[in-house]
PDB file of N, CA and C in Angstrom:
ATOM      1  N   VAL A   1       0.857  -1.195   0.000  1.00  0.00           N
ATOM      2  CA  VAL A   1       0.000   0.000   0.000  1.00  0.00           C
ATOM      3  C   VAL A   1       0.887   1.237   0.000  1.00  0.00           C
ATOM      4  N   GLN A   2       0.582   2.139  -0.899  1.00  0.00           N
ATOM      5  CA  GLN A   2       1.385   3.349  -0.968  1.00  0.00           C
ATOM      6  C   GLN A   2       0.531   4.521  -1.417  1.00  0.00           C
ATOM      7  N   LEU A   3       0.773   5.644  -0.760  1.00  0.00           N
ATOM      8  CA  LEU A   3       0.139   6.899  -1.112  1.00  0.00           C
ATOM      9  C   LEU A   3       1.260   7.921  -1.123  1.00  0.00           C
ATOM     10  N   GLN A   4       1.428   8.606  -2.222  1.00  0.00           N
ATOM     11  CA  GLN A   4       2.584   9.490  -2.369  1.00  0.00           C
ATOM     12  C   GLN A   4       2.178  10.819  -2.980  1.00  0.00           C
ATOM     13  N   ALA A   5       2.480  11.898  -2.276  1.00  0.00           N
ATOM     14  CA  ALA A   5       2.266  13.230  -2.830  1.00  0.00           C
ATOM     15  C   ALA A   5       3.521  13.639  -3.593  1.00  0.00           C
ATOM     16  N   SER A   6       3.336  14.361  -4.686  1.00  0.00           N
ATOM     17  CA  SER A   6       4.463  14.814  -5.497  1.00  0.00           C
ATOM     18  C   SER A   6       4.098  16.114  -6.195  1.00  0.00           C
ATOM     19  N   GLY A   7       5.099  16.742  -6.795  1.00  0.00           N
ATOM     20  CA  GLY A   7       4.859  17.950  -7.559  1.00  0.00           C
ATOM     21  C   GLY A   7       5.261  19.238  -6.871  1.00  0.00           C
ATOM     22  N   GLY A   8       5.770  19.129  -5.668  1.00  0.00           N
ATOM     23  CA  GLY A   8       6.178  20.316  -4.946  1.00  0.00           C
ATOM     24  C   GLY A   8       7.444  20.934  -5.531  1.00  0.00           C
ATOM     25  N   GLY A   9       7.779  22.111  -5.030  1.00  0.00           N
ATOM     26  CA  GLY A   9       8.974  22.788  -5.504  1.00  0.00           C
ATOM     27  C   GLY A   9       8.996  24.223  -5.038  1.00  0.00           C
ATOM     28  N   LEU A  10       9.908  24.975  -5.601  1.00  0.00           N
ATOM     29  CA  LEU A  10      10.054  26.395  -5.285  1.00  0.00           C
ATOM     30  C   LEU A  10       9.374  27.209  -6.387  1.00  0.00           C
ATOM     31  N   VAL A  11       8.415  28.028  -5.998  1.00  0.00           N
ATOM     32  CA  VAL A  11       7.687  28.854  -6.956  1.00  0.00           C
ATOM     33  C   VAL A  11       7.588  30.269  -6.430  1.00  0.00           C
ATOM     34  N   GLN A  12       7.315  31.185  -7.342  1.00  0.00           N
ATOM     35  CA  GLN A  12       7.163  32.578  -6.949  1.00  0.00           C
ATOM     36  C   GLN A  12       5.718  32.869  -6.563  1.00  0.00           C
ATOM     37  N   SER A  13       5.563  33.875  -5.755  1.00  0.00           N
ATOM     38  CA  SER A  13       4.226  34.302  -5.353  1.00  0.00           C
ATOM     39  C   SER A  13       3.392  34.634  -6.590  1.00  0.00           C
ATOM     40  N   ASP A  14       2.097  34.330  -6.517  1.00  0.00           N
ATOM     41  CA  ASP A  14       1.114  34.553  -7.581  1.00  0.00           C
ATOM     42  C   ASP A  14       1.218  33.567  -8.735  1.00  0.00           C
ATOM     43  N   SER A  15       2.100  32.604  -8.647  1.00  0.00           N
ATOM     44  CA  SER A  15       2.202  31.608  -9.708  1.00  0.00           C
ATOM     45  C   SER A  15       1.307  30.404  -9.387  1.00  0.00           C
ATOM     46  N   SER A  16       1.419  29.366 -10.218  1.00  0.00           N
ATOM     47  CA  SER A  16       0.577  28.178 -10.060  1.00  0.00           C
ATOM     48  C   SER A  16       1.426  26.923  -9.948  1.00  0.00           C
ATOM     49  N   LEU A  17       0.839  25.930  -9.325  1.00  0.00           N
ATOM     50  CA  LEU A  17       1.527  24.660  -9.131  1.00  0.00           C
ATOM     51  C   LEU A  17       0.469  23.578  -9.009  1.00  0.00           C
ATOM     52  N   ARG A  18       0.759  22.383  -9.538  1.00  0.00           N
ATOM     53  CA  ARG A  18      -0.181  21.282  -9.380  1.00  0.00           C
ATOM     54  C   ARG A  18       0.487  20.130  -8.652  1.00  0.00           C
ATOM     55  N   LEU A  19      -0.111  19.754  -7.549  1.00  0.00           N
ATOM     56  CA  LEU A  19       0.356  18.597  -6.794  1.00  0.00           C
ATOM     57  C   LEU A  19      -0.448  17.371  -7.189  1.00  0.00           C
ATOM     58  N   SER A  20       0.205  16.228  -7.097  1.00  0.00           N
ATOM     59  CA  SER A  20      -0.458  14.954  -7.366  1.00  0.00           C
ATOM     60  C   SER A  20      -0.340  14.051  -6.155  1.00  0.00           C
ATOM     61  N   CYS A  21      -1.329  13.227  -5.993  1.00  0.00           N
ATOM     62  CA  CYS A  21      -1.322  12.202  -4.946  1.00  0.00           C
ATOM     63  C   CYS A  21      -1.596  10.881  -5.646  1.00  0.00           C
ATOM     64  N   GLY A  22      -0.586  10.035  -5.748  1.00  0.00           N
ATOM     65  CA  GLY A  22      -0.719   8.759  -6.431  1.00  0.00           C
ATOM     66  C   GLY A  22      -0.890   7.618  -5.446  1.00  0.00           C
ATOM     67  N   ALA A  23      -1.711   6.645  -5.814  1.00  0.00           N
ATOM     68  CA  ALA A  23      -2.014   5.532  -4.922  1.00  0.00           C
ATOM     69  C   ALA A  23      -1.727   4.194  -5.581  1.00  0.00           C
ATOM     70  N   SER A  24      -1.338   3.247  -4.773  1.00  0.00           N
ATOM     71  CA  SER A  24      -1.149   1.883  -5.252  1.00  0.00           C
ATOM     72  C   SER A  24      -1.407   0.919  -4.108  1.00  0.00           C
ATOM     73  N   GLY A  25      -1.849  -0.287  -4.451  1.00  0.00           N
ATOM     74  CA  GLY A  25      -2.010  -1.321  -3.445  1.00  0.00           C
ATOM     75  C   GLY A  25      -3.350  -1.363  -2.750  1.00  0.00           C
ATOM     76  N   PHE A  26      -4.288  -0.489  -3.118  1.00  0.00           N
ATOM     77  CA  PHE A  26      -5.628  -0.551  -2.544  1.00  0.00           C
ATOM     78  C   PHE A  26      -6.620  -0.014  -3.566  1.00  0.00           C
ATOM     79  N   GLN A  27      -7.919  -0.261  -3.293  1.00  0.00           N
ATOM     80  CA  GLN A  27      -8.972   0.088  -4.244  1.00  0.00           C
ATOM     81  C   GLN A  27      -9.262   1.581  -4.161  1.00  0.00           C
ATOM     82  N   PHE A  28      -8.460   2.341  -4.838  1.00  0.00           N
ATOM     83  CA  PHE A  28      -8.446   3.793  -4.713  1.00  0.00           C
ATOM     84  C   PHE A  28      -9.816   4.420  -4.961  1.00  0.00           C
ATOM     85  N   GLY A  29     -10.566   3.885  -5.885  1.00  0.00           N
ATOM     86  CA  GLY A  29     -11.862   4.455  -6.245  1.00  0.00           C
ATOM     87  C   GLY A  29     -12.898   4.381  -5.146  1.00  0.00           C
ATOM     88  N   SER A  30     -12.611   3.640  -4.085  1.00  0.00           N
ATOM     89  CA  SER A  30     -13.536   3.527  -2.961  1.00  0.00           C
ATOM     90  C   SER A  30     -13.098   4.368  -1.770  1.00  0.00           C
ATOM     91  N   TYR A  31     -12.214   5.297  -2.000  1.00  0.00           N
ATOM     92  CA  TYR A  31     -11.656   6.095  -0.918  1.00  0.00           C
ATOM     93  C   TYR A  31     -11.900   7.591  -1.110  1.00  0.00           C
ATOM     94  N   TYR A  32     -12.245   8.244  -0.004  1.00  0.00           N
ATOM     95  CA  TYR A  32     -12.198   9.695   0.043  1.00  0.00           C
ATOM     96  C   TYR A  32     -10.728  10.080   0.165  1.00  0.00           C
ATOM     97  N   VAL A  33     -10.393  11.278  -0.299  1.00  0.00           N
ATOM     98  CA  VAL A  33      -9.016  11.756  -0.164  1.00  0.00           C
ATOM     99  C   VAL A  33      -9.012  13.180   0.372  1.00  0.00           C
ATOM    100  N   ALA A  34      -8.105  13.433   1.276  1.00  0.00           N
ATOM    101  CA  ALA A  34      -7.938  14.761   1.841  1.00  0.00           C
ATOM    102  C   ALA A  34      -6.514  15.252   1.603  1.00  0.00           C
ATOM    103  N   TRP A  35      -6.381  16.550   1.443  1.00  0.00           N
ATOM    104  CA  TRP A  35      -5.068  17.198   1.382  1.00  0.00           C
ATOM    105  C   TRP A  35      -4.844  17.951   2.682  1.00  0.00           C
ATOM    106  N   TYR A  36      -3.642  17.796   3.222  1.00  0.00           N
ATOM    107  CA  TYR A  36      -3.221  18.514   4.412  1.00  0.00           C
ATOM    108  C   TYR A  36      -1.947  19.281   4.072  1.00  0.00           C
ATOM    109  N   ARG A  37      -1.647  20.236   4.930  1.00  0.00           N
ATOM    110  CA  ARG A  37      -0.341  20.878   4.836  1.00  0.00           C
ATOM    111  C   ARG A  37       0.157  21.191   6.241  1.00  0.00           C
ATOM    112  N   GLU A  38       1.463  21.209   6.334  1.00  0.00           N
ATOM    113  CA  GLU A  38       2.103  21.519   7.613  1.00  0.00           C
ATOM    114  C   GLU A  38       3.182  22.559   7.359  1.00  0.00           C
ATOM    115  N   ALA A  39       2.903  23.762   7.808  1.00  0.00           N
ATOM    116  CA  ALA A  39       3.852  24.866   7.650  1.00  0.00           C
ATOM    117  C   ALA A  39       4.857  24.840   8.795  1.00  0.00           C
ATOM    118  N   PRO A  40       6.025  25.425   8.589  1.00  0.00           N
ATOM    119  CA  PRO A  40       7.037  25.440   9.649  1.00  0.00           C
ATOM    120  C   PRO A  40       6.497  26.050  10.937  1.00  0.00           C
ATOM    121  N   GLY A  41       6.633  25.314  12.008  1.00  0.00           N
ATOM    122  CA  GLY A  41       6.200  25.817  13.303  1.00  0.00           C
ATOM    123  C   GLY A  41       4.707  25.786  13.547  1.00  0.00           C
ATOM    124  N   LYS A  42       3.955  25.208  12.618  1.00  0.00           N
ATOM    125  CA  LYS A  42       2.500  25.169  12.769  1.00  0.00           C
ATOM    126  C   LYS A  42       1.997  23.725  12.748  1.00  0.00           C
ATOM    127  N   GLU A  43       0.791  23.559  13.235  1.00  0.00           N
ATOM    128  CA  GLU A  43       0.191  22.234  13.218  1.00  0.00           C
ATOM    129  C   GLU A  43      -0.272  21.881  11.803  1.00  0.00           C
ATOM    130  N   ARG A  44      -0.337  20.591  11.556  1.00  0.00           N
ATOM    131  CA  ARG A  44      -0.833  20.131  10.275  1.00  0.00           C
ATOM    132  C   ARG A  44      -2.314  20.488  10.164  1.00  0.00           C
ATOM    133  N   GLU A  45      -2.723  21.054   9.025  1.00  0.00           N
ATOM    134  CA  GLU A  45      -4.113  21.432   8.832  1.00  0.00           C
ATOM    135  C   GLU A  45      -4.656  20.799   7.552  1.00  0.00           C
ATOM    136  N   ARG A  46      -5.933  20.446   7.635  1.00  0.00           N
ATOM    137  CA  ARG A  46      -6.618  19.890   6.480  1.00  0.00           C
ATOM    138  C   ARG A  46      -7.085  21.055   5.611  1.00  0.00           C
ATOM    139  N   ILE A  47      -6.788  21.013   4.320  1.00  0.00           N
ATOM    140  CA  ILE A  47      -7.121  22.141   3.461  1.00  0.00           C
ATOM    141  C   ILE A  47      -8.130  21.807   2.373  1.00  0.00           C
ATOM    142  N   ALA A  48      -8.276  20.563   2.015  1.00  0.00           N
ATOM    143  CA  ALA A  48      -9.221  20.187   0.956  1.00  0.00           C
ATOM    144  C   ALA A  48      -9.558  18.713   1.056  1.00  0.00           C
ATOM    145  N   CYS A  49     -10.752  18.366   0.575  1.00  0.00           N
ATOM    146  CA  CYS A  49     -11.190  16.979   0.532  1.00  0.00           C
ATOM    147  C   CYS A  49     -11.953  16.745  -0.760  1.00  0.00           C
ATOM    148  N   ILE A  50     -11.983  15.491  -1.177  1.00  0.00           N
ATOM    149  CA  ILE A  50     -12.773  15.123  -2.344  1.00  0.00           C
ATOM    150  C   ILE A  50     -13.383  13.752  -2.100  1.00  0.00           C
ATOM    151  N   SER A  51     -14.623  13.610  -2.516  1.00  0.00           N
ATOM    152  CA  SER A  51     -15.315  12.341  -2.314  1.00  0.00           C
ATOM    153  C   SER A  51     -14.786  11.280  -3.286  1.00  0.00           C
ATOM    154  N   ASP A  52     -15.239  10.050  -3.093  1.00  0.00           N
ATOM    155  CA  ASP A  52     -14.708   8.932  -3.879  1.00  0.00           C
ATOM    156  C   ASP A  52     -14.968   9.086  -5.372  1.00  0.00           C
ATOM    157  N   ASP A  53     -16.098   9.681  -5.716  1.00  0.00           N
ATOM    158  CA  ASP A  53     -16.413   9.850  -7.134  1.00  0.00           C
ATOM    159  C   ASP A  53     -16.124  11.252  -7.651  1.00  0.00           C
ATOM    160  N   GLY A  54     -15.600  12.100  -6.788  1.00  0.00           N
ATOM    161  CA  GLY A  54     -15.236  13.453  -7.184  1.00  0.00           C
ATOM    162  C   GLY A  54     -16.381  14.441  -7.217  1.00  0.00           C
ATOM    163  N   SER A  55     -17.570  14.013  -6.802  1.00  0.00           N
ATOM    164  CA  SER A  55     -18.738  14.886  -6.908  1.00  0.00           C
ATOM    165  C   SER A  55     -18.832  15.912  -5.787  1.00  0.00           C
ATOM    166  N   ASN A  56     -18.127  15.670  -4.700  1.00  0.00           N
ATOM    167  CA  ASN A  56     -18.153  16.591  -3.557  1.00  0.00           C
ATOM    168  C   ASN A  56     -16.741  17.010  -3.191  1.00  0.00           C
ATOM    169  N   THR A  57     -16.593  18.291  -2.892  1.00  0.00           N
ATOM    170  CA  THR A  57     -15.299  18.812  -2.467  1.00  0.00           C
ATOM    171  C   THR A  57     -15.484  19.757  -1.287  1.00  0.00           C
ATOM    172  N   TYR A  58     -14.413  19.933  -0.567  1.00  0.00           N
ATOM    173  CA  TYR A  58     -14.389  20.855   0.571  1.00  0.00           C
ATOM    174  C   TYR A  58     -13.066  21.611   0.536  1.00  0.00           C
ATOM    175  N   TYR A  59     -13.113  22.895   0.941  1.00  0.00           N
ATOM    176  CA  TYR A  59     -11.903  23.693   1.038  1.00  0.00           C
ATOM    177  C   TYR A  59     -11.938  24.509   2.320  1.00  0.00           C
ATOM    178  N   VAL A  60     -10.792  24.627   2.949  1.00  0.00           N
ATOM    179  CA  VAL A  60     -10.670  25.543   4.069  1.00  0.00           C
ATOM    180  C   VAL A  60     -10.689  26.958   3.513  1.00  0.00           C
ATOM    181  N   ASP A  61     -11.138  27.905   4.306  1.00  0.00           N
ATOM    182  CA  ASP A  61     -11.324  29.270   3.819  1.00  0.00           C
ATOM    183  C   ASP A  61     -10.048  29.871   3.223  1.00  0.00           C
ATOM    184  N   SER A  62      -8.909  29.545   3.790  1.00  0.00           N
ATOM    185  CA  SER A  62      -7.658  30.180   3.354  1.00  0.00           C
ATOM    186  C   SER A  62      -7.248  29.799   1.935  1.00  0.00           C
ATOM    187  N   VAL A  63      -7.801  28.721   1.379  1.00  0.00           N
ATOM    188  CA  VAL A  63      -7.436  28.319   0.017  1.00  0.00           C
ATOM    189  C   VAL A  63      -8.624  28.362  -0.929  1.00  0.00           C
ATOM    190  N   LYS A  64      -9.807  28.602  -0.391  1.00  0.00           N
ATOM    191  CA  LYS A  64     -11.013  28.610  -1.216  1.00  0.00           C
ATOM    192  C   LYS A  64     -10.904  29.670  -2.311  1.00  0.00           C
ATOM    193  N   GLY A  65     -11.233  29.280  -3.536  1.00  0.00           N
ATOM    194  CA  GLY A  65     -11.131  30.195  -4.669  1.00  0.00           C
ATOM    195  C   GLY A  65      -9.766  30.205  -5.336  1.00  0.00           C
ATOM    196  N   ARG A  66      -8.753  29.639  -4.668  1.00  0.00           N
ATOM    197  CA  ARG A  66      -7.405  29.596  -5.248  1.00  0.00           C
ATOM    198  C   ARG A  66      -6.973  28.167  -5.570  1.00  0.00           C
ATOM    199  N   PHE A  67      -7.377  27.220  -4.744  1.00  0.00           N
ATOM    200  CA  PHE A  67      -6.987  25.817  -4.924  1.00  0.00           C
ATOM    201  C   PHE A  67      -8.178  25.021  -5.425  1.00  0.00           C
ATOM    202  N   THR A  68      -7.903  24.024  -6.248  1.00  0.00           N
ATOM    203  CA  THR A  68      -8.945  23.130  -6.749  1.00  0.00           C
ATOM    204  C   THR A  68      -8.482  21.687  -6.626  1.00  0.00           C
ATOM    205  N   VAL A  69      -9.315  20.864  -6.011  1.00  0.00           N
ATOM    206  CA  VAL A  69      -8.997  19.438  -5.873  1.00  0.00           C
ATOM    207  C   VAL A  69      -9.811  18.663  -6.901  1.00  0.00           C
ATOM    208  N   SER A  70      -9.182  17.686  -7.515  1.00  0.00           N
ATOM    209  CA  SER A  70      -9.847  16.840  -8.505  1.00  0.00           C
ATOM    210  C   SER A  70      -9.241  15.452  -8.441  1.00  0.00           C
ATOM    211  N   ARG A  71      -9.857  14.510  -9.121  1.00  0.00           N
ATOM    212  CA  ARG A  71      -9.312  13.159  -9.115  1.00  0.00           C
ATOM    213  C   ARG A  71      -9.588  12.456 -10.433  1.00  0.00           C
ATOM    214  N   ASP A  72      -8.731  11.494 -10.715  1.00  0.00           N
ATOM    215  CA  ASP A  72      -8.887  10.630 -11.880  1.00  0.00           C
ATOM    216  C   ASP A  72      -8.706   9.209 -11.371  1.00  0.00           C
ATOM    217  N   ASN A  73      -9.799   8.529 -11.101  1.00  0.00           N
ATOM    218  CA  ASN A  73      -9.707   7.195 -10.510  1.00  0.00           C
ATOM    219  C   ASN A  73      -9.048   6.194 -11.455  1.00  0.00           C
ATOM    220  N   ALA A  74      -9.193   6.402 -12.749  1.00  0.00           N
ATOM    221  CA  ALA A  74      -8.538   5.494 -13.700  1.00  0.00           C
ATOM    222  C   ALA A  74      -7.024   5.574 -13.575  1.00  0.00           C
ATOM    223  N   LYS A  75      -6.535   6.761 -13.216  1.00  0.00           N
ATOM    224  CA  LYS A  75      -5.100   6.955 -13.022  1.00  0.00           C
ATOM    225  C   LYS A  75      -4.704   6.834 -11.565  1.00  0.00           C
ATOM    226  N   ARG A  76      -5.688   6.518 -10.702  1.00  0.00           N
ATOM    227  CA  ARG A  76      -5.419   6.337  -9.283  1.00  0.00           C
ATOM    228  C   ARG A  76      -4.730   7.563  -8.703  1.00  0.00           C
ATOM    229  N   SER A  77      -5.242   8.715  -9.044  1.00  0.00           N
ATOM    230  CA  SER A  77      -4.592   9.949  -8.625  1.00  0.00           C
ATOM    231  C   SER A  77      -5.600  11.018  -8.227  1.00  0.00           C
ATOM    232  N   VAL A  78      -5.184  11.824  -7.284  1.00  0.00           N
ATOM    233  CA  VAL A  78      -5.900  13.036  -6.884  1.00  0.00           C
ATOM    234  C   VAL A  78      -4.948  14.200  -7.092  1.00  0.00           C
ATOM    235  N   TYR A  79      -5.502  15.327  -7.503  1.00  0.00           N
ATOM    236  CA  TYR A  79      -4.681  16.485  -7.826  1.00  0.00           C
ATOM    237  C   TYR A  79      -5.097  17.686  -6.982  1.00  0.00           C
ATOM    238  N   LEU A  80      -4.150  18.555  -6.723  1.00  0.00           N
ATOM    239  CA  LEU A  80      -4.420  19.822  -6.058  1.00  0.00           C
ATOM    240  C   LEU A  80      -3.816  20.915  -6.925  1.00  0.00           C
ATOM    241  N   GLU A  81      -4.702  21.615  -7.629  1.00  0.00           N
ATOM    242  CA  GLU A  81      -4.273  22.730  -8.461  1.00  0.00           C
ATOM    243  C   GLU A  81      -4.196  23.967  -7.566  1.00  0.00           C
ATOM    244  N   MET A  82      -3.015  24.546  -7.484  1.00  0.00           N
ATOM    245  CA  MET A  82      -2.783  25.684  -6.607  1.00  0.00           C
ATOM    246  C   MET A  82      -2.519  26.913  -7.476  1.00  0.00           C
ATOM    247  N   ASN A  83      -3.394  27.877  -7.401  1.00  0.00           N
ATOM    248  CA  ASN A  83      -3.239  29.113  -8.162  1.00  0.00           C
ATOM    249  C   ASN A  83      -3.040  30.294  -7.213  1.00  0.00           C
ATOM    250  N   SER A  84      -2.450  31.342  -7.750  1.00  0.00           N
ATOM    251  CA  SER A  84      -2.229  32.566  -6.958  1.00  0.00           C
ATOM    252  C   SER A  84      -1.607  32.229  -5.605  1.00  0.00           C
ATOM    253  N   VAL A  85      -0.565  31.429  -5.626  1.00  0.00           N
ATOM    254  CA  VAL A  85       0.037  31.006  -4.367  1.00  0.00           C
ATOM    255  C   VAL A  85       0.676  32.187  -3.654  1.00  0.00           C
ATOM    256  N   LYS A  86       0.724  32.056  -2.340  1.00  0.00           N
ATOM    257  CA  LYS A  86       1.253  33.110  -1.484  1.00  0.00           C
ATOM    258  C   LYS A  86       2.370  32.524  -0.621  1.00  0.00           C
ATOM    259  N   PRO A  87       3.220  33.367  -0.087  1.00  0.00           N
ATOM    260  CA  PRO A  87       4.280  32.852   0.805  1.00  0.00           C
ATOM    261  C   PRO A  87       3.718  32.036   1.969  1.00  0.00           C
ATOM    262  N   GLU A  88       2.539  32.382   2.441  1.00  0.00           N
ATOM    263  CA  GLU A  88       1.946  31.634   3.553  1.00  0.00           C
ATOM    264  C   GLU A  88       1.449  30.253   3.146  1.00  0.00           C
ATOM    265  N   ASP A  89       1.506  29.932   1.849  1.00  0.00           N
ATOM    266  CA  ASP A  89       1.185  28.577   1.400  1.00  0.00           C
ATOM    267  C   ASP A  89       2.395  27.650   1.507  1.00  0.00           C
ATOM    268  N   THR A  90       3.542  28.193   1.881  1.00  0.00           N
ATOM    269  CA  THR A  90       4.738  27.376   2.061  1.00  0.00           C
ATOM    270  C   THR A  90       4.508  26.339   3.147  1.00  0.00           C
ATOM    271  N   ALA A  91       4.690  25.074   2.774  1.00  0.00           N
ATOM    272  CA  ALA A  91       4.418  23.982   3.709  1.00  0.00           C
ATOM    273  C   ALA A  91       4.775  22.658   3.045  1.00  0.00           C
ATOM    274  N   VAL A  92       4.810  21.625   3.853  1.00  0.00           N
ATOM    275  CA  VAL A  92       4.839  20.266   3.320  1.00  0.00           C
ATOM    276  C   VAL A  92       3.394  19.828   3.133  1.00  0.00           C
ATOM    277  N   TYR A  93       3.073  19.377   1.953  1.00  0.00           N
ATOM    278  CA  TYR A  93       1.710  18.974   1.614  1.00  0.00           C
ATOM    279  C   TYR A  93       1.609  17.447   1.622  1.00  0.00           C
ATOM    280  N   TYR A  94       0.546  16.959   2.262  1.00  0.00           N
ATOM    281  CA  TYR A  94       0.305  15.533   2.388  1.00  0.00           C
ATOM    282  C   TYR A  94      -1.089  15.186   1.867  1.00  0.00           C
ATOM    283  N   CYS A  95      -1.244  13.945   1.437  1.00  0.00           N
ATOM    284  CA  CYS A  95      -2.582  13.458   1.139  1.00  0.00           C
ATOM    285  C   CYS A  95      -2.891  12.285   2.071  1.00  0.00           C
ATOM    286  N   ALA A  96      -4.175  12.087   2.316  1.00  0.00           N
ATOM    287  CA  ALA A  96      -4.633  11.015   3.189  1.00  0.00           C
ATOM    288  C   ALA A  96      -5.900  10.415   2.593  1.00  0.00           C
ATOM    289  N   ALA A  97      -6.136   9.144   2.864  1.00  0.00           N
ATOM    290  CA  ALA A  97      -7.279   8.461   2.258  1.00  0.00           C
ATOM    291  C   ALA A  97      -8.062   7.662   3.295  1.00  0.00           C
ATOM    292  N   ASP A  98      -9.373   7.605   3.097  1.00  0.00           N
ATOM    293  CA  ASP A  98     -10.272   6.844   3.967  1.00  0.00           C
ATOM    294  C   ASP A  98     -11.276   6.077   3.126  1.00  0.00           C
ATOM    295  N   HIS A  99     -11.512   4.815   3.485  1.00  0.00           N
ATOM    296  CA  HIS A  99     -12.489   4.008   2.761  1.00  0.00           C
ATOM    297  C   HIS A  99     -13.891   4.549   3.021  1.00  0.00           C
ATOM    298  N   THR A 100     -14.725   4.514   2.007  1.00  0.00           N
ATOM    299  CA  THR A 100     -16.085   5.047   2.151  1.00  0.00           C
ATOM    300  C   THR A 100     -16.884   4.320   3.212  1.00  0.00           C
ATOM    301  N   HIS A 101     -16.533   3.076   3.499  1.00  0.00           N
ATOM    302  CA  HIS A 101     -17.246   2.321   4.517  1.00  0.00           C
ATOM    303  C   HIS A 101     -16.919   2.808   5.927  1.00  0.00           C
ATOM    304  N   HIS A 102     -15.856   3.560   6.082  1.00  0.00           N
ATOM    305  CA  HIS A 102     -15.421   3.974   7.407  1.00  0.00           C
ATOM    306  C   HIS A 102     -15.996   5.305   7.839  1.00  0.00           C
ATOM    307  N   SER A 103     -16.689   5.986   6.937  1.00  0.00           N
ATOM    308  CA  SER A 103     -17.250   7.283   7.306  1.00  0.00           C
ATOM    309  C   SER A 103     -18.380   7.642   6.352  1.00  0.00           C
ATOM    310  N   HIS A 104     -19.436   8.249   6.906  1.00  0.00           N
ATOM    311  CA  HIS A 104     -20.515   8.779   6.076  1.00  0.00           C
ATOM    312  C   HIS A 104     -20.151  10.159   5.546  1.00  0.00           C
ATOM    313  N   ASN A 105     -19.142  10.739   6.134  1.00  0.00           N
ATOM    314  CA  ASN A 105     -18.674  12.081   5.772  1.00  0.00           C
ATOM    315  C   ASN A 105     -17.487  11.944   4.834  1.00  0.00           C
ATOM    316  N   PHE A 106     -17.530  12.592   3.692  1.00  0.00           N
ATOM    317  CA  PHE A 106     -16.453  12.443   2.724  1.00  0.00           C
ATOM    318  C   PHE A 106     -15.204  13.203   3.143  1.00  0.00           C
ATOM    319  N   CYS A 107     -15.305  13.940   4.225  1.00  0.00           N
ATOM    320  CA  CYS A 107     -14.178  14.738   4.691  1.00  0.00           C
ATOM    321  C   CYS A 107     -13.945  14.504   6.186  1.00  0.00           C
ATOM    322  N   PRO A 108     -13.683  13.262   6.571  1.00  0.00           N
ATOM    323  CA  PRO A 108     -13.476  12.990   7.988  1.00  0.00           C
ATOM    324  C   PRO A 108     -12.116  13.490   8.442  1.00  0.00           C
ATOM    325  N   GLY A 109     -12.009  13.751   9.710  1.00  0.00           N
ATOM    326  CA  GLY A 109     -10.723  14.168  10.257  1.00  0.00           C
ATOM    327  C   GLY A 109      -9.848  12.966  10.545  1.00  0.00           C
ATOM    328  N   ALA A 110      -8.635  13.260  11.050  1.00  0.00           N
ATOM    329  CA  ALA A 110      -7.708  12.194  11.415  1.00  0.00           C
ATOM    330  C   ALA A 110      -8.290  11.405  12.590  1.00  0.00           C
ATOM    331  N   PRO A 111      -7.949  10.134  12.758  1.00  0.00           N
ATOM    332  CA  PRO A 111      -6.949   9.403  11.970  1.00  0.00           C
ATOM    333  C   PRO A 111      -7.506   8.936  10.629  1.00  0.00           C
ATOM    334  N   HIS A 112      -6.619   8.667   9.713  1.00  0.00           N
ATOM    335  CA  HIS A 112      -7.002   8.238   8.379  1.00  0.00           C
ATOM    336  C   HIS A 112      -6.504   6.821   8.131  1.00  0.00           C
ATOM    337  N   ASP A 113      -7.140   6.177   7.167  1.00  0.00           N
ATOM    338  CA  ASP A 113      -6.710   4.820   6.829  1.00  0.00           C
ATOM    339  C   ASP A 113      -5.269   4.821   6.307  1.00  0.00           C
ATOM    340  N   TYR A 114      -4.980   5.779   5.431  1.00  0.00           N
ATOM    341  CA  TYR A 114      -3.640   5.869   4.854  1.00  0.00           C
ATOM    342  C   TYR A 114      -3.176   7.327   4.802  1.00  0.00           C
ATOM    343  N   TRP A 115      -1.904   7.490   5.051  1.00  0.00           N
ATOM    344  CA  TRP A 115      -1.234   8.790   4.894  1.00  0.00           C
ATOM    345  C   TRP A 115      -0.187   8.642   3.817  1.00  0.00           C
ATOM    346  N   GLY A 116      -0.061   9.698   3.009  1.00  0.00           N
ATOM    347  CA  GLY A 116       0.993   9.678   2.012  1.00  0.00           C
ATOM    348  C   GLY A 116       2.215  10.436   2.486  1.00  0.00           C
ATOM    349  N   ARG A 117       3.331  10.176   1.836  1.00  0.00           N
ATOM    350  CA  ARG A 117       4.527  10.968   2.084  1.00  0.00           C
ATOM    351  C   ARG A 117       4.288  12.352   1.509  1.00  0.00           C
ATOM    352  N   GLY A 118       4.841  13.343   2.151  1.00  0.00           N
ATOM    353  CA  GLY A 118       4.597  14.717   1.772  1.00  0.00           C
ATOM    354  C   GLY A 118       5.501  15.215   0.670  1.00  0.00           C
ATOM    355  N   THR A 119       5.136  16.389   0.152  1.00  0.00           N
ATOM    356  CA  THR A 119       5.944  17.082  -0.839  1.00  0.00           C
ATOM    357  C   THR A 119       6.036  18.545  -0.421  1.00  0.00           C
ATOM    358  N   LEU A 120       7.228  19.104  -0.499  1.00  0.00           N
ATOM    359  CA  LEU A 120       7.466  20.453  -0.002  1.00  0.00           C
ATOM    360  C   LEU A 120       7.161  21.489  -1.076  1.00  0.00           C
ATOM    361  N   VAL A 121       6.364  22.463  -0.690  1.00  0.00           N
ATOM    362  CA  VAL A 121       6.084  23.616  -1.543  1.00  0.00           C
ATOM    363  C   VAL A 121       6.649  24.846  -0.859  1.00  0.00           C
ATOM    364  N   THR A 122       7.479  25.573  -1.571  1.00  0.00           N
ATOM    365  CA  THR A 122       8.053  26.805  -1.043  1.00  0.00           C
ATOM    366  C   THR A 122       7.690  27.942  -1.982  1.00  0.00           C
ATOM    367  N   VAL A 123       7.036  28.951  -1.425  1.00  0.00           N
ATOM    368  CA  VAL A 123       6.612  30.092  -2.227  1.00  0.00           C
ATOM    369  C   VAL A 123       7.445  31.299  -1.828  1.00  0.00           C
ATOM    370  N   SER A 124       8.150  31.845  -2.784  1.00  0.00           N
ATOM    371  CA  SER A 124       8.981  33.016  -2.516  1.00  0.00           C
ATOM    372  C   SER A 124       8.216  34.291  -2.857  1.00  0.00           C
ATOM    373  N   SER A 125       8.493  35.324  -2.095  1.00  0.00           N
ATOM    374  CA  SER A 125       7.781  36.601  -2.300  1.00  0.00           C
ATOM    375  C   SER A 125       8.462  37.456  -3.343  1.00  0.00           C
TER     376      SER A 125
END
């Protein structure tokens, strides 16, 4: 079982970046997926969620209107399109997954069935 976030890097403020969360070893299409980030010196926060079929999404206020979460179950991947990034978006970004049988809510909090390895996003001003 593996869940891996990728696509991070160093970008300038107001630019765009797309993160990917790839899955292997489990029935990805039956899982909700959440994106988290952990900024230096801060607690890990949940910033977006997407339901198993992609029909429902959630965003925390700080990224609403700038970030978009989507998924392609055929490719076993979830994406986080980040637009108009700001220095305060600098963080390690993680994805997490939960089986639909484990929650009626497509955006449950931790603990999660699976956590992915993070990817670092650094936004320069």
